[in-house]
Amino acid sequence: MVKSSRIVAVVDDDESVCRSIKRLLLSAGIGAETFVSGEDFLDALSAIPSFFPDCVILDIQMPGINGLEVQRQLAPRALPVIIITAHDDITVRERAIASGATAYLRKPFNGSDLIKAVELALGSGPGQ
């Protein structure tokens, strides 16, 4: 199990998805903070210097700044990014992976698959 001091940022414009993922992560002993837009998340990163999540779960399709743009802006921080999306597009998938996404999951996804992806992104997966 991942140390509880680890925090994952969940960025999805669907509040119910944010709540569900947060509950799932908490059940696995992983802390989570949720954001309903890319702008809110990026603003929190700029405004709160002590806020530095260990991993980010990003939805692709959001109003305003989409997940791929958030991922691009996060690149200098070297944060592990897991992409989640309801609209699987091979071009988008390839772009996300090429930009460093550690996982790409299509909604609806299996909760255990997301937990495994988060644990691997945090460097605490099986055999780590």
Protein backbone atom coordinates (compact mmCIF):
# COMPACT_ATOMS: atom_id res chain seq x y z
CA MET A 1 0.00 0.00 0.00
CA VAL A 2 1.11 3.55 -0.74
CA LYS A 3 2.16 5.77 2.16
CA SER A 4 -0.76 7.97 3.24
CA SER A 5 1.45 11.06 2.98
CA ARG A 6 1.25 10.75 -0.81
CA ILE A 7 -1.25 13.06 -2.52
CA VAL A 8 -2.79 12.58 -5.95
CA ALA A 9 -4.46 15.50 -7.73
CA VAL A 10 -7.61 14.48 -9.60
CA VAL A 11 -8.61 16.92 -12.35
CA ASP A 12 -11.97 16.22 -14.03
CA ASP A 13 -14.83 18.54 -14.90
CA ASP A 14 -17.35 15.92 -13.69
CA GLU A 15 -17.60 16.34 -9.91
CA SER A 16 -19.05 12.85 -9.47
CA VAL A 17 -15.97 11.36 -11.19
CA CYS A 18 -13.73 13.41 -8.86
CA ARG A 19 -15.63 12.17 -5.80
CA SER A 20 -15.56 8.55 -6.97
CA ILE A 21 -11.83 8.59 -7.72
CA LYS A 22 -11.09 10.32 -4.41
CA ARG A 23 -13.06 7.65 -2.49
CA LEU A 24 -11.30 4.89 -4.43
CA LEU A 25 -7.86 6.35 -3.71
CA LEU A 26 -8.66 6.89 -0.04
CA SER A 27 -9.80 3.26 0.24
CA ALA A 28 -6.32 2.29 -0.98
CA GLY A 29 -4.61 4.58 1.54
CA ILE A 30 -3.78 7.29 -1.01
CA GLY A 31 -4.69 10.91 -0.31
CA ALA A 32 -6.39 12.97 -3.01
CA GLU A 33 -7.28 16.56 -3.82
CA THR A 34 -9.87 17.22 -6.53
CA PHE A 35 -10.18 20.01 -9.08
CA VAL A 36 -13.04 20.55 -11.54
CA SER A 37 -10.96 22.31 -14.18
CA GLY A 38 -7.45 22.52 -15.50
CA GLU A 39 -7.42 26.20 -14.59
CA ASP A 40 -8.33 25.51 -10.95
CA PHE A 41 -5.54 22.94 -10.67
CA LEU A 42 -2.89 25.13 -12.32
CA ASP A 43 -4.00 28.09 -10.19
CA ALA A 44 -3.60 25.99 -7.01
CA LEU A 45 -0.10 24.96 -8.10
CA SER A 46 0.88 28.62 -8.60
CA ALA A 47 -0.88 30.07 -5.58
CA ILE A 48 0.10 27.47 -2.98
CA PRO A 49 3.86 26.83 -3.13
CA SER A 50 3.59 23.99 -0.60
CA PHE A 51 1.07 22.13 -2.78
CA PHE A 52 2.99 19.61 -4.82
CA PRO A 53 1.05 16.43 -5.62
CA ASP A 54 2.94 13.19 -6.15
CA CYS A 55 0.83 12.28 -9.20
CA VAL A 56 -1.92 13.85 -11.33
CA ILE A 57 -4.95 12.11 -12.80
CA LEU A 58 -6.18 14.21 -15.73
CA ASP A 59 -9.32 14.07 -17.81
CA ILE A 60 -8.66 14.98 -21.43
CA GLN A 61 -11.88 16.73 -22.40
CA MET A 62 -12.62 19.64 -20.10
CA PRO A 63 -13.90 23.12 -20.81
CA GLY A 64 -11.17 25.74 -20.93
CA ILE A 65 -7.74 24.19 -20.62
CA ASN A 66 -7.93 20.53 -21.65
CA GLY A 67 -5.95 17.71 -20.10
CA LEU A 68 -3.28 17.64 -22.79
CA GLU A 69 -2.54 21.33 -22.25
CA VAL A 70 -2.37 20.82 -18.48
CA GLN A 71 0.00 17.90 -19.09
CA ARG A 72 2.16 20.13 -21.31
CA GLN A 73 2.32 22.82 -18.62
CA LEU A 74 3.25 20.21 -16.00
CA ALA A 75 6.16 18.83 -18.05
CA PRO A 76 8.84 21.00 -16.37
CA ARG A 77 7.71 19.74 -12.96
CA ALA A 78 8.23 16.08 -13.92
CA LEU A 79 4.99 15.03 -12.21
CA PRO A 80 3.67 11.58 -13.12
CA VAL A 81 0.44 11.99 -15.12
CA ILE A 82 -2.32 9.44 -15.63
CA ILE A 83 -4.78 10.30 -18.38
CA ILE A 84 -8.45 9.32 -18.13
CA THR A 85 -10.96 9.90 -20.90
CA ALA A 86 -14.37 8.83 -22.15
CA HIS A 87 -13.37 9.54 -25.75
CA ASP A 88 -10.57 7.25 -26.82
CA ASP A 89 -8.77 8.65 -29.82
CA ILE A 90 -5.56 6.97 -30.98
CA THR A 91 -3.98 10.31 -31.91
CA VAL A 92 -4.72 11.76 -28.47
CA ARG A 93 -3.51 8.55 -26.79
CA GLU A 94 -0.23 8.64 -28.73
CA ARG A 95 0.26 12.33 -27.96
CA ALA A 96 -0.38 11.82 -24.23
CA ILE A 97 2.00 8.86 -24.00
CA ALA A 98 4.66 10.64 -26.10
CA SER A 99 4.37 13.59 -23.70
CA GLY A 100 5.15 11.32 -20.77
CA ALA A 101 1.82 10.03 -19.43
CA THR A 102 2.47 6.98 -17.29
CA ALA A 103 -0.95 5.51 -18.07
CA TYR A 104 -3.95 6.15 -20.31
CA LEU A 105 -7.29 4.74 -19.14
CA ARG A 106 -10.62 4.86 -20.92
CA LYS A 107 -13.75 5.60 -18.88
CA PRO A 108 -15.37 3.65 -17.46
CA PHE A 109 -12.25 1.99 -16.09
CA ASN A 110 -11.77 -0.72 -13.51
CA GLY A 111 -10.92 0.72 -10.10
CA SER A 112 -8.13 -1.79 -9.54
CA ASP A 113 -6.56 -0.75 -12.87
CA LEU A 114 -6.51 2.88 -11.71
CA ILE A 115 -5.02 1.95 -8.32
CA LYS A 116 -2.31 -0.11 -10.06
CA ALA A 117 -1.55 2.80 -12.41
CA VAL A 118 -1.30 5.22 -9.47
CA GLU A 119 0.91 2.86 -7.47
CA LEU A 120 3.23 2.44 -10.46
CA ALA A 121 3.31 6.20 -11.02
CA LEU A 122 4.19 6.70 -7.36
CA GLY A 123 6.93 4.11 -7.62
CA SER A 124 5.33 1.74 -5.18
CA GLY A 125 3.75 -0.84 -7.46
CA PRO A 126 4.33 -4.57 -7.22
CA GLY A 127 8.04 -5.36 -7.11
CA GLN A 128 9.06 -1.72 -6.49
